[in-house]
N, C-alpha and C. Protein backbone atom coordinates (compact mmCIF):
# COMPACT_ATOMS: atom_id res chain seq x y z
N UNK A 1 0.85 -1.18 0.00
CA UNK A 1 0.00 0.00 0.00
C UNK A 1 0.88 1.22 0.00
N UNK A 2 0.75 2.03 -1.05
CA UNK A 2 1.57 3.23 -1.15
C UNK A 2 1.21 4.23 -0.07
N UNK A 3 2.22 4.97 0.37
CA UNK A 3 1.97 6.03 1.34
C UNK A 3 1.24 7.15 0.64
N UNK A 4 0.08 7.55 1.17
CA UNK A 4 -0.72 8.58 0.53
C UNK A 4 -0.04 9.93 0.63
N UNK A 5 -0.02 10.69 -0.45
CA UNK A 5 0.61 12.01 -0.40
C UNK A 5 -0.24 13.00 0.36
N UNK A 6 0.38 14.06 0.79
CA UNK A 6 -0.30 15.19 1.40
C UNK A 6 -1.21 15.81 0.36
N UNK A 7 -2.35 16.43 0.73
CA UNK A 7 -3.23 17.05 -0.26
C UNK A 7 -2.51 17.98 -1.21
N UNK A 8 -1.49 18.69 -0.73
CA UNK A 8 -0.78 19.61 -1.61
C UNK A 8 0.01 18.88 -2.67
N UNK A 9 0.28 17.59 -2.44
CA UNK A 9 1.05 16.81 -3.40
C UNK A 9 0.16 15.82 -4.15
N UNK A 10 -1.17 16.03 -4.09
CA UNK A 10 -2.11 15.07 -4.65
C UNK A 10 -1.99 14.95 -6.16
N UNK A 11 -1.45 15.96 -6.85
CA UNK A 11 -1.31 15.90 -8.29
C UNK A 11 -0.19 14.96 -8.71
N UNK A 12 0.67 14.59 -7.79
CA UNK A 12 1.79 13.72 -8.08
C UNK A 12 1.41 12.26 -7.79
N UNK A 13 2.26 11.36 -8.30
CA UNK A 13 2.05 9.94 -8.03
C UNK A 13 2.28 9.65 -6.55
N UNK A 14 1.50 8.73 -5.98
CA UNK A 14 1.73 8.36 -4.57
C UNK A 14 3.15 7.83 -4.39
N UNK A 15 3.69 8.03 -3.22
CA UNK A 15 5.03 7.53 -2.90
C UNK A 15 5.01 6.01 -2.84
N UNK A 16 5.93 5.40 -3.58
CA UNK A 16 6.07 3.94 -3.54
C UNK A 16 6.99 3.58 -2.37
N UNK A 17 6.57 2.62 -1.57
CA UNK A 17 7.32 2.21 -0.39
C UNK A 17 7.86 0.80 -0.60
N UNK A 18 9.18 0.65 -0.47
CA UNK A 18 9.83 -0.65 -0.67
C UNK A 18 10.51 -1.05 0.63
N UNK A 19 10.18 -2.22 1.14
CA UNK A 19 10.83 -2.74 2.33
C UNK A 19 11.96 -3.68 1.94
N UNK A 20 13.12 -3.51 2.57
CA UNK A 20 14.28 -4.35 2.28
C UNK A 20 14.49 -5.34 3.41
N UNK A 21 14.55 -6.61 3.06
CA UNK A 21 14.76 -7.68 4.02
C UNK A 21 16.11 -8.33 3.77
N UNK A 22 16.60 -9.06 4.77
CA UNK A 22 17.86 -9.78 4.59
C UNK A 22 18.58 -9.97 5.91
N UNK A 23 19.62 -10.77 5.87
CA UNK A 23 20.38 -11.03 7.07
C UNK A 23 21.32 -9.89 7.43
N UNK A 24 21.92 -10.01 8.60
CA UNK A 24 22.90 -9.03 9.04
C UNK A 24 24.09 -9.03 8.08
N UNK A 25 24.54 -7.83 7.70
CA UNK A 25 25.70 -7.65 6.82
C UNK A 25 25.50 -8.28 5.45
N UNK A 26 24.25 -8.32 5.00
CA UNK A 26 23.97 -8.87 3.67
C UNK A 26 24.10 -7.84 2.57
N UNK A 27 24.17 -6.57 2.94
CA UNK A 27 24.25 -5.50 1.95
C UNK A 27 22.94 -4.78 1.74
N UNK A 28 22.06 -4.81 2.74
CA UNK A 28 20.76 -4.16 2.61
C UNK A 28 20.89 -2.66 2.39
N UNK A 29 21.84 -2.02 3.05
CA UNK A 29 21.99 -0.57 2.90
C UNK A 29 22.39 -0.21 1.48
N UNK A 30 23.31 -0.97 0.90
CA UNK A 30 23.72 -0.72 -0.48
C UNK A 30 22.55 -0.89 -1.43
N UNK A 31 21.82 -1.97 -1.29
CA UNK A 31 20.66 -2.22 -2.14
C UNK A 31 19.61 -1.14 -1.93
N UNK A 32 19.42 -0.72 -0.69
CA UNK A 32 18.44 0.33 -0.40
C UNK A 32 18.76 1.63 -1.12
N UNK A 33 20.03 2.02 -1.11
CA UNK A 33 20.43 3.26 -1.82
C UNK A 33 20.19 3.14 -3.32
N UNK A 34 20.48 1.97 -3.86
CA UNK A 34 20.26 1.77 -5.29
C UNK A 34 18.77 1.80 -5.63
N UNK A 35 17.96 1.20 -4.79
CA UNK A 35 16.51 1.20 -5.02
C UNK A 35 15.94 2.61 -4.96
N UNK A 36 16.40 3.41 -4.01
CA UNK A 36 15.88 4.77 -3.85
C UNK A 36 16.29 5.66 -5.01
N UNK A 37 17.52 5.47 -5.49
CA UNK A 37 18.00 6.33 -6.57
C UNK A 37 18.17 7.76 -6.10
N UNK A 38 18.53 8.65 -7.03
CA UNK A 38 18.81 10.04 -6.64
C UNK A 38 17.61 10.82 -6.12
N UNK A 39 16.41 10.41 -6.51
CA UNK A 39 15.23 11.16 -6.08
C UNK A 39 14.49 10.57 -4.92
N UNK A 40 14.94 9.41 -4.44
CA UNK A 40 14.25 8.74 -3.36
C UNK A 40 14.88 8.96 -2.01
N UNK A 41 14.31 8.32 -1.01
CA UNK A 41 14.78 8.45 0.36
C UNK A 41 14.90 7.06 0.98
N UNK A 42 16.00 6.84 1.70
CA UNK A 42 16.17 5.61 2.46
C UNK A 42 15.99 5.92 3.94
N UNK A 43 15.10 5.22 4.59
CA UNK A 43 14.91 5.36 6.03
C UNK A 43 15.56 4.15 6.69
N UNK A 44 16.69 4.39 7.33
CA UNK A 44 17.49 3.33 7.91
C UNK A 44 17.25 3.27 9.41
N UNK A 45 16.63 2.20 9.86
CA UNK A 45 16.27 2.08 11.28
C UNK A 45 17.50 2.02 12.16
N UNK A 46 18.58 1.40 11.69
CA UNK A 46 19.80 1.32 12.50
C UNK A 46 20.39 2.70 12.74
N UNK A 47 20.36 3.55 11.71
CA UNK A 47 20.88 4.91 11.87
C UNK A 47 20.03 5.70 12.85
N UNK A 48 18.72 5.54 12.75
CA UNK A 48 17.82 6.22 13.69
C UNK A 48 18.06 5.70 15.10
N UNK A 49 18.20 4.38 15.24
CA UNK A 49 18.44 3.79 16.56
C UNK A 49 19.75 4.28 17.15
N UNK A 50 20.75 4.46 16.31
CA UNK A 50 22.04 4.96 16.79
C UNK A 50 21.88 6.36 17.38
N UNK A 51 21.13 7.20 16.68
CA UNK A 51 20.91 8.56 17.20
C UNK A 51 20.11 8.53 18.50
N UNK A 52 19.10 7.66 18.56
CA UNK A 52 18.30 7.53 19.78
C UNK A 52 19.16 7.03 20.93
N UNK A 53 20.00 6.03 20.65
CA UNK A 53 20.84 5.45 21.69
C UNK A 53 21.80 6.47 22.28
N UNK A 54 22.26 7.40 21.45
CA UNK A 54 23.22 8.39 21.92
C UNK A 54 22.55 9.64 22.50
N UNK A 55 21.22 9.65 22.52
CA UNK A 55 20.52 10.78 23.13
C UNK A 55 20.76 10.77 24.64
N UNK A 56 20.70 11.91 25.24
CA UNK A 56 20.97 12.02 26.67
C UNK A 56 20.03 11.15 27.49
N UNK A 57 18.76 11.13 27.11
CA UNK A 57 17.77 10.36 27.86
C UNK A 57 18.11 8.87 27.89
N UNK A 58 18.38 8.28 26.73
CA UNK A 58 18.66 6.85 26.66
C UNK A 58 20.04 6.54 27.23
N UNK A 59 21.00 7.42 26.99
CA UNK A 59 22.34 7.20 27.53
C UNK A 59 22.31 7.11 29.05
N UNK A 60 21.50 7.95 29.66
CA UNK A 60 21.39 7.93 31.12
C UNK A 60 20.73 6.64 31.61
N UNK A 61 19.72 6.17 30.88
CA UNK A 61 19.06 4.92 31.25
C UNK A 61 20.03 3.74 31.15
N UNK A 62 20.81 3.72 30.07
CA UNK A 62 21.76 2.63 29.86
C UNK A 62 22.83 2.64 30.93
N UNK A 63 23.34 3.81 31.26
CA UNK A 63 24.39 3.91 32.28
C UNK A 63 23.87 3.48 33.64
N UNK A 64 22.64 3.88 33.96
CA UNK A 64 22.07 3.51 35.26
C UNK A 64 21.81 2.01 35.36
N UNK A 65 21.47 1.40 34.23
CA UNK A 65 21.12 -0.03 34.23
C UNK A 65 22.36 -0.93 34.16
N UNK A 66 23.35 -0.52 33.34
CA UNK A 66 24.47 -1.43 33.06
C UNK A 66 25.83 -0.91 33.54
N UNK A 67 25.87 0.31 34.04
CA UNK A 67 27.13 0.82 34.57
C UNK A 67 28.02 1.46 33.52
N UNK A 68 29.12 2.06 33.96
CA UNK A 68 30.00 2.81 33.05
C UNK A 68 30.76 1.95 32.06
N UNK A 69 30.79 0.64 32.26
CA UNK A 69 31.55 -0.21 31.34
C UNK A 69 30.95 -0.27 29.94
N UNK A 70 29.70 0.19 29.78
CA UNK A 70 29.10 0.19 28.44
C UNK A 70 29.20 1.57 27.79
N UNK A 71 30.00 2.45 28.38
CA UNK A 71 30.24 3.78 27.81
C UNK A 71 31.63 3.83 27.20
N UNK A 72 31.79 4.67 26.17
CA UNK A 72 33.10 4.82 25.56
C UNK A 72 33.88 5.94 26.25
N UNK A 73 35.05 6.25 25.71
CA UNK A 73 35.92 7.24 26.36
C UNK A 73 35.32 8.63 26.38
N UNK A 74 34.40 8.91 25.45
CA UNK A 74 33.76 10.24 25.41
C UNK A 74 32.47 10.29 26.23
N UNK A 75 32.10 9.19 26.85
CA UNK A 75 30.88 9.17 27.66
C UNK A 75 29.65 8.76 26.90
N UNK A 76 29.79 8.42 25.60
CA UNK A 76 28.67 7.94 24.82
C UNK A 76 28.50 6.44 25.01
N UNK A 77 27.42 5.90 24.50
CA UNK A 77 27.18 4.47 24.62
C UNK A 77 28.08 3.72 23.64
N UNK A 78 28.80 2.74 24.15
CA UNK A 78 29.63 1.87 23.33
C UNK A 78 28.72 0.78 22.76
N UNK A 79 28.37 0.91 21.49
CA UNK A 79 27.39 0.01 20.90
C UNK A 79 27.86 -1.45 20.91
N UNK A 80 29.14 -1.65 20.66
CA UNK A 80 29.65 -3.02 20.63
C UNK A 80 29.56 -3.66 22.01
N UNK A 81 29.95 -2.92 23.03
CA UNK A 81 29.92 -3.46 24.39
C UNK A 81 28.48 -3.72 24.84
N UNK A 82 27.60 -2.77 24.54
CA UNK A 82 26.21 -2.94 24.94
C UNK A 82 25.56 -4.08 24.16
N UNK A 83 25.87 -4.16 22.86
CA UNK A 83 25.29 -5.21 22.04
C UNK A 83 25.67 -6.59 22.53
N UNK A 84 26.96 -6.76 22.87
CA UNK A 84 27.41 -8.06 23.36
C UNK A 84 26.70 -8.42 24.66
N UNK A 85 26.44 -7.42 25.48
CA UNK A 85 25.80 -7.66 26.77
C UNK A 85 24.34 -8.06 26.60
N UNK A 86 23.59 -7.29 25.81
CA UNK A 86 22.15 -7.53 25.73
C UNK A 86 21.81 -8.76 24.90
N UNK A 87 22.64 -9.12 23.94
CA UNK A 87 22.34 -10.32 23.17
C UNK A 87 22.67 -11.59 23.94
N UNK A 88 23.39 -11.44 25.04
CA UNK A 88 23.65 -12.58 25.92
C UNK A 88 22.63 -12.66 27.05
N UNK A 89 21.79 -11.64 27.17
CA UNK A 89 20.81 -11.56 28.25
C UNK A 89 19.47 -11.14 27.67
N UNK A 90 18.58 -12.09 27.38
CA UNK A 90 17.30 -11.77 26.75
C UNK A 90 16.49 -10.71 27.49
N UNK A 91 16.52 -10.73 28.80
CA UNK A 91 15.76 -9.74 29.56
C UNK A 91 16.32 -8.33 29.35
N UNK A 92 17.65 -8.22 29.32
CA UNK A 92 18.27 -6.92 29.09
C UNK A 92 17.98 -6.44 27.67
N UNK A 93 17.95 -7.36 26.72
CA UNK A 93 17.66 -6.98 25.34
C UNK A 93 16.23 -6.46 25.21
N UNK A 94 15.29 -7.16 25.84
CA UNK A 94 13.90 -6.72 25.78
C UNK A 94 13.73 -5.35 26.43
N UNK A 95 14.43 -5.14 27.55
CA UNK A 95 14.35 -3.85 28.22
C UNK A 95 14.89 -2.74 27.34
N UNK A 96 16.05 -2.96 26.72
CA UNK A 96 16.65 -1.95 25.85
C UNK A 96 15.75 -1.66 24.65
N UNK A 97 15.19 -2.70 24.07
CA UNK A 97 14.29 -2.50 22.94
C UNK A 97 13.06 -1.70 23.35
N UNK A 98 12.61 -1.90 24.58
CA UNK A 98 11.47 -1.15 25.07
C UNK A 98 11.75 0.34 25.18
N UNK A 99 13.01 0.69 25.43
CA UNK A 99 13.41 2.10 25.47
C UNK A 99 13.57 2.70 24.07
N UNK A 100 14.16 1.91 23.18
CA UNK A 100 14.58 2.44 21.88
C UNK A 100 13.52 2.32 20.79
N UNK A 101 12.90 1.14 20.69
CA UNK A 101 12.03 0.88 19.55
C UNK A 101 10.87 1.86 19.40
N UNK A 102 10.15 2.23 20.47
CA UNK A 102 9.05 3.19 20.27
C UNK A 102 9.53 4.51 19.68
N UNK A 103 10.70 4.97 20.08
CA UNK A 103 11.23 6.23 19.56
C UNK A 103 11.66 6.09 18.11
N UNK A 104 12.23 4.95 17.78
CA UNK A 104 12.64 4.70 16.40
C UNK A 104 11.40 4.62 15.50
N UNK A 105 10.39 3.90 15.94
CA UNK A 105 9.17 3.76 15.15
C UNK A 105 8.52 5.11 14.88
N UNK A 106 8.44 5.93 15.91
CA UNK A 106 7.82 7.25 15.75
C UNK A 106 8.60 8.09 14.75
N UNK A 107 9.91 8.02 14.80
CA UNK A 107 10.74 8.79 13.88
C UNK A 107 10.56 8.31 12.45
N UNK A 108 10.52 6.98 12.26
CA UNK A 108 10.36 6.43 10.92
C UNK A 108 9.00 6.79 10.34
N UNK A 109 7.95 6.70 11.15
CA UNK A 109 6.62 7.04 10.65
C UNK A 109 6.54 8.51 10.27
N UNK A 110 7.11 9.36 11.10
CA UNK A 110 7.10 10.79 10.79
C UNK A 110 7.88 11.08 9.52
N UNK A 111 9.03 10.45 9.35
CA UNK A 111 9.85 10.66 8.16
C UNK A 111 9.14 10.15 6.91
N UNK A 112 8.45 9.03 7.02
CA UNK A 112 7.72 8.50 5.88
C UNK A 112 6.57 9.42 5.49
N UNK A 113 5.86 9.91 6.47
CA UNK A 113 4.76 10.84 6.20
C UNK A 113 5.27 12.13 5.57
N UNK A 114 6.43 12.59 6.03
CA UNK A 114 7.02 13.80 5.47
C UNK A 114 7.43 13.59 4.01
N UNK A 115 8.00 12.42 3.72
CA UNK A 115 8.41 12.12 2.35
C UNK A 115 7.20 12.08 1.42
N UNK A 116 6.12 11.47 1.88
CA UNK A 116 4.91 11.41 1.07
C UNK A 116 4.34 12.81 0.84
N UNK A 117 4.39 13.64 1.88
CA UNK A 117 3.88 15.01 1.76
C UNK A 117 4.69 15.82 0.75
N UNK A 118 5.98 15.51 0.63
CA UNK A 118 6.84 16.22 -0.32
C UNK A 118 6.81 15.61 -1.71
N UNK A 119 6.06 14.52 -1.87
CA UNK A 119 5.97 13.90 -3.18
C UNK A 119 7.19 13.10 -3.57
N UNK A 120 7.95 12.61 -2.60
CA UNK A 120 9.12 11.79 -2.91
C UNK A 120 8.64 10.53 -3.62
N UNK A 121 9.23 10.18 -4.79
CA UNK A 121 8.70 9.05 -5.56
C UNK A 121 8.87 7.69 -4.90
N UNK A 122 10.01 7.49 -4.21
CA UNK A 122 10.28 6.18 -3.62
C UNK A 122 10.88 6.34 -2.23
N UNK A 123 10.33 5.60 -1.28
CA UNK A 123 10.91 5.53 0.05
C UNK A 123 11.27 4.07 0.31
N UNK A 124 12.53 3.85 0.70
CA UNK A 124 13.00 2.51 1.01
C UNK A 124 13.10 2.37 2.52
N UNK A 125 12.48 1.34 3.06
CA UNK A 125 12.54 1.08 4.49
C UNK A 125 13.59 0.01 4.76
N UNK A 126 14.72 0.42 5.31
CA UNK A 126 15.77 -0.51 5.73
C UNK A 126 15.60 -0.72 7.22
N UNK A 127 14.71 -1.63 7.55
CA UNK A 127 14.30 -1.88 8.94
C UNK A 127 14.56 -3.35 9.25
N UNK A 128 15.60 -3.68 10.01
CA UNK A 128 15.97 -5.07 10.25
C UNK A 128 14.83 -5.96 10.75
N UNK A 129 13.97 -5.44 11.60
CA UNK A 129 12.89 -6.24 12.18
C UNK A 129 11.54 -5.83 11.59
N UNK A 130 11.54 -5.57 10.28
CA UNK A 130 10.33 -5.14 9.59
C UNK A 130 9.21 -6.16 9.72
N UNK A 131 9.55 -7.44 9.62
CA UNK A 131 8.54 -8.50 9.74
C UNK A 131 8.26 -8.86 11.19
N UNK A 132 9.33 -8.93 11.99
CA UNK A 132 9.17 -9.38 13.37
C UNK A 132 8.24 -8.49 14.19
N UNK A 133 8.36 -7.18 14.01
CA UNK A 133 7.60 -6.24 14.84
C UNK A 133 6.54 -5.49 14.03
N UNK A 134 5.98 -6.17 13.04
CA UNK A 134 5.03 -5.52 12.13
C UNK A 134 3.82 -4.94 12.86
N UNK A 135 3.32 -5.66 13.85
CA UNK A 135 2.12 -5.19 14.54
C UNK A 135 2.40 -3.93 15.35
N UNK A 136 3.64 -3.83 15.88
CA UNK A 136 3.96 -2.67 16.71
C UNK A 136 4.22 -1.41 15.88
N UNK A 137 5.03 -1.54 14.82
CA UNK A 137 5.41 -0.32 14.09
C UNK A 137 4.46 0.02 12.93
N UNK A 138 3.70 -0.94 12.42
CA UNK A 138 2.74 -0.64 11.37
C UNK A 138 3.35 -0.26 10.04
N UNK A 139 4.65 -0.49 9.84
CA UNK A 139 5.32 -0.10 8.61
C UNK A 139 5.14 -1.13 7.50
N UNK A 140 5.06 -2.40 7.86
CA UNK A 140 4.96 -3.44 6.85
C UNK A 140 3.73 -3.25 5.97
N UNK A 141 2.63 -2.86 6.57
CA UNK A 141 1.39 -2.70 5.81
C UNK A 141 1.46 -1.54 4.83
N UNK A 142 2.45 -0.66 4.98
CA UNK A 142 2.61 0.46 4.07
C UNK A 142 3.50 0.11 2.88
N UNK A 143 4.14 -1.06 2.92
CA UNK A 143 5.07 -1.44 1.86
C UNK A 143 4.31 -1.94 0.62
N UNK A 144 4.69 -1.41 -0.52
CA UNK A 144 4.14 -1.91 -1.78
C UNK A 144 4.88 -3.16 -2.23
N UNK A 145 6.18 -3.22 -1.92
CA UNK A 145 7.00 -4.34 -2.36
C UNK A 145 8.00 -4.68 -1.26
N UNK A 146 8.40 -5.95 -1.22
CA UNK A 146 9.43 -6.41 -0.30
C UNK A 146 10.55 -7.04 -1.13
N UNK A 147 11.79 -6.63 -0.86
CA UNK A 147 12.95 -7.18 -1.56
C UNK A 147 13.90 -7.79 -0.54
N UNK A 148 14.31 -9.02 -0.82
CA UNK A 148 15.22 -9.74 0.06
C UNK A 148 16.62 -9.72 -0.53
N UNK A 149 17.59 -9.36 0.29
CA UNK A 149 18.99 -9.35 -0.14
C UNK A 149 19.64 -10.63 0.38
N UNK A 150 20.05 -11.47 -0.54
CA UNK A 150 20.59 -12.78 -0.20
C UNK A 150 22.11 -12.76 -0.29
N UNK A 151 22.77 -13.28 0.73
CA UNK A 151 24.22 -13.37 0.74
C UNK A 151 24.62 -14.56 1.59
N UNK A 152 25.69 -15.27 1.23
CA UNK A 152 26.11 -16.45 1.99
C UNK A 152 26.44 -16.10 3.44
N UNK A 153 26.15 -17.03 4.34
CA UNK A 153 26.38 -16.80 5.77
C UNK A 153 27.84 -16.52 6.07
N UNK A 154 28.75 -17.25 5.42
CA UNK A 154 30.17 -17.03 5.72
C UNK A 154 30.64 -15.67 5.25
N UNK A 155 30.12 -15.21 4.11
CA UNK A 155 30.49 -13.89 3.62
C UNK A 155 29.96 -12.80 4.54
N UNK A 156 28.75 -12.97 5.04
CA UNK A 156 28.17 -11.99 5.95
C UNK A 156 28.95 -11.93 7.25
N UNK A 157 29.36 -13.08 7.75
CA UNK A 157 30.14 -13.13 8.98
C UNK A 157 31.48 -12.41 8.79
N UNK A 158 32.12 -12.64 7.64
CA UNK A 158 33.39 -11.97 7.36
C UNK A 158 33.22 -10.46 7.26
N UNK A 159 32.12 -10.01 6.64
CA UNK A 159 31.87 -8.57 6.54
C UNK A 159 31.67 -7.95 7.92
N UNK A 160 30.95 -8.66 8.78
CA UNK A 160 30.70 -8.13 10.12
C UNK A 160 32.00 -8.05 10.93
N UNK A 161 32.86 -9.03 10.77
CA UNK A 161 34.15 -9.01 11.45
C UNK A 161 34.99 -7.85 10.93
N UNK A 162 35.02 -7.69 9.61
CA UNK A 162 35.84 -6.67 8.98
C UNK A 162 35.30 -5.26 9.20
N UNK A 163 34.00 -5.07 8.98
CA UNK A 163 33.43 -3.72 8.97
C UNK A 163 32.89 -3.27 10.32
N UNK A 164 32.50 -4.21 11.19
CA UNK A 164 31.88 -3.85 12.46
C UNK A 164 32.72 -4.22 13.67
N UNK A 165 33.79 -4.95 13.43
CA UNK A 165 34.64 -5.35 14.54
C UNK A 165 34.04 -6.44 15.41
N UNK A 166 33.07 -7.22 14.86
CA UNK A 166 32.44 -8.27 15.64
C UNK A 166 33.34 -9.49 15.70
N UNK A 167 33.08 -10.32 16.67
CA UNK A 167 33.78 -11.59 16.78
C UNK A 167 33.19 -12.57 15.76
N UNK A 168 34.00 -13.48 15.22
CA UNK A 168 33.46 -14.50 14.31
C UNK A 168 32.32 -15.27 14.99
N UNK A 169 31.28 -15.52 14.23
CA UNK A 169 30.12 -16.24 14.76
C UNK A 169 29.06 -15.36 15.39
N UNK A 170 29.36 -14.06 15.55
CA UNK A 170 28.41 -13.16 16.20
C UNK A 170 27.14 -12.98 15.37
N UNK A 171 27.28 -12.96 14.05
CA UNK A 171 26.12 -12.79 13.18
C UNK A 171 25.10 -13.91 13.42
N UNK A 172 25.58 -15.14 13.41
CA UNK A 172 24.67 -16.29 13.61
C UNK A 172 24.04 -16.23 14.99
N UNK A 173 24.81 -15.81 15.98
CA UNK A 173 24.27 -15.76 17.34
C UNK A 173 23.14 -14.75 17.44
N UNK A 174 23.32 -13.60 16.82
CA UNK A 174 22.28 -12.57 16.89
C UNK A 174 21.06 -12.95 16.06
N UNK A 175 21.29 -13.56 14.92
CA UNK A 175 20.16 -13.92 14.07
C UNK A 175 19.33 -15.05 14.66
N UNK A 176 19.90 -15.77 15.60
CA UNK A 176 19.14 -16.84 16.26
C UNK A 176 17.96 -16.29 17.04
N UNK A 177 18.01 -15.00 17.39
CA UNK A 177 16.93 -14.36 18.13
C UNK A 177 15.91 -13.70 17.20
N UNK A 178 16.09 -13.86 15.89
CA UNK A 178 15.21 -13.22 14.92
C UNK A 178 14.44 -14.25 14.10
N UNK A 179 13.54 -13.77 13.27
CA UNK A 179 12.79 -14.64 12.37
C UNK A 179 13.76 -15.32 11.40
N UNK A 180 13.55 -16.61 11.07
CA UNK A 180 14.44 -17.30 10.14
C UNK A 180 14.54 -16.57 8.80
N UNK A 181 15.75 -16.53 8.24
CA UNK A 181 15.94 -15.85 6.97
C UNK A 181 15.13 -16.50 5.86
N UNK A 182 14.91 -17.81 5.95
CA UNK A 182 14.12 -18.50 4.92
C UNK A 182 12.69 -17.96 4.89
N UNK A 183 12.15 -17.61 6.04
CA UNK A 183 10.80 -17.05 6.11
C UNK A 183 10.77 -15.67 5.47
N UNK A 184 11.78 -14.86 5.76
CA UNK A 184 11.85 -13.53 5.16
C UNK A 184 12.00 -13.62 3.65
N UNK A 185 12.83 -14.55 3.21
CA UNK A 185 13.04 -14.73 1.76
C UNK A 185 11.73 -15.11 1.09
N UNK A 186 10.96 -15.98 1.72
CA UNK A 186 9.69 -16.42 1.14
C UNK A 186 8.67 -15.29 1.06
N UNK A 187 8.78 -14.32 1.95
CA UNK A 187 7.83 -13.21 1.96
C UNK A 187 8.14 -12.16 0.89
N UNK A 188 9.34 -12.19 0.36
CA UNK A 188 9.77 -11.15 -0.58
C UNK A 188 9.17 -11.34 -1.97
N UNK A 189 8.97 -10.21 -2.66
CA UNK A 189 8.51 -10.25 -4.05
C UNK A 189 9.68 -10.47 -4.99
N UNK A 190 10.86 -9.99 -4.60
CA UNK A 190 12.06 -10.10 -5.42
C UNK A 190 13.24 -10.45 -4.52
N UNK A 191 14.16 -11.28 -5.03
CA UNK A 191 15.38 -11.62 -4.30
C UNK A 191 16.58 -11.08 -5.07
N UNK A 192 17.42 -10.32 -4.38
CA UNK A 192 18.66 -9.80 -4.95
C UNK A 192 19.82 -10.60 -4.37
N UNK A 193 20.65 -11.17 -5.22
CA UNK A 193 21.80 -11.93 -4.76
C UNK A 193 23.02 -11.02 -4.68
N UNK A 194 23.58 -10.91 -3.49
CA UNK A 194 24.75 -10.05 -3.29
C UNK A 194 25.98 -10.90 -3.05
N UNK A 195 26.81 -11.03 -4.09
CA UNK A 195 28.04 -11.79 -3.97
C UNK A 195 29.24 -10.88 -3.74
N UNK A 196 28.96 -9.60 -3.50
CA UNK A 196 30.02 -8.64 -3.24
C UNK A 196 30.40 -7.81 -4.44
N UNK A 197 29.86 -8.14 -5.62
CA UNK A 197 30.17 -7.39 -6.85
C UNK A 197 29.10 -6.32 -7.07
N UNK A 198 29.49 -5.06 -6.96
CA UNK A 198 28.52 -3.95 -7.06
C UNK A 198 27.83 -3.92 -8.42
N UNK A 199 28.57 -4.20 -9.49
CA UNK A 199 27.96 -4.17 -10.82
C UNK A 199 26.82 -5.17 -10.92
N UNK A 200 27.02 -6.35 -10.35
CA UNK A 200 25.98 -7.37 -10.39
C UNK A 200 24.76 -6.95 -9.59
N UNK A 201 25.00 -6.42 -8.41
CA UNK A 201 23.88 -5.97 -7.57
C UNK A 201 23.12 -4.84 -8.25
N UNK A 202 23.85 -3.89 -8.83
CA UNK A 202 23.21 -2.77 -9.52
C UNK A 202 22.32 -3.25 -10.65
N UNK A 203 22.81 -4.20 -11.44
CA UNK A 203 22.03 -4.73 -12.56
C UNK A 203 20.76 -5.42 -12.06
N UNK A 204 20.88 -6.17 -10.98
CA UNK A 204 19.71 -6.86 -10.42
C UNK A 204 18.68 -5.87 -9.88
N UNK A 205 19.16 -4.80 -9.25
CA UNK A 205 18.24 -3.78 -8.72
C UNK A 205 17.51 -3.09 -9.87
N UNK A 206 18.23 -2.76 -10.92
CA UNK A 206 17.60 -2.11 -12.07
C UNK A 206 16.52 -3.00 -12.68
N UNK A 207 16.82 -4.30 -12.79
CA UNK A 207 15.83 -5.25 -13.32
C UNK A 207 14.63 -5.35 -12.39
N UNK A 208 14.90 -5.40 -11.08
CA UNK A 208 13.82 -5.49 -10.10
C UNK A 208 12.91 -4.28 -10.18
N UNK A 209 13.48 -3.11 -10.31
CA UNK A 209 12.66 -1.89 -10.39
C UNK A 209 11.79 -1.90 -11.65
N UNK A 210 12.33 -2.37 -12.74
CA UNK A 210 11.52 -2.44 -13.97
C UNK A 210 10.36 -3.42 -13.78
N UNK A 211 10.65 -4.54 -13.12
CA UNK A 211 9.60 -5.53 -12.88
C UNK A 211 8.52 -4.98 -11.96
N UNK A 212 8.95 -4.31 -10.90
CA UNK A 212 7.98 -3.80 -9.92
C UNK A 212 7.15 -2.68 -10.51
N UNK A 213 7.75 -1.84 -11.31
CA UNK A 213 7.00 -0.73 -11.91
C UNK A 213 6.00 -1.23 -12.93
N UNK A 214 6.28 -2.40 -13.49
CA UNK A 214 5.36 -2.94 -14.48
C UNK A 214 4.30 -3.83 -13.86
N UNK A 215 4.43 -4.05 -12.53
CA UNK A 215 3.48 -4.94 -11.86
C UNK A 215 2.14 -4.27 -11.66
């Protein structure tokens, strides 16, 4: 379901909303940028969550709950340290999500509504738990199309080690707490295979957009 434009933008085409699915470090952000193109907008939940996590309100809650060891040298939240802690403690993870997720959802909804009001042609939702928390955030029902980014587990693990500084095996450990990737893949309208070659991914995205626009 396309996001309805603001009355002032009613003469334009409704904003098309594309949800991007995939595993950790599969390349969803790259695919999202390609899908949006120069005139579109990518709403990245991880980026929003990072800003929320570093806000004074949430930083104080995290420090009070977990102590100074989850803060970095500048007094901000050390995402790696906090992530390792909460993914080993389900109760702590649920508590942290309770602080962060409502704020992230509100920001994403507001940003999506703003994009539709401005007549942005395409909004890409890069939301890791788009399917898992569909009832809470209400974003899934706004998606016209779902695209799954497929990448081998070993390649994703290597990317996370290289780009995020994670320990080997951390990707699999975190994904064990999420919906199976096979389920997400089955829900998608299109699957993009990311073998690490940008030219290949770009060509697949261009083909996918032509298919979706003709649907």
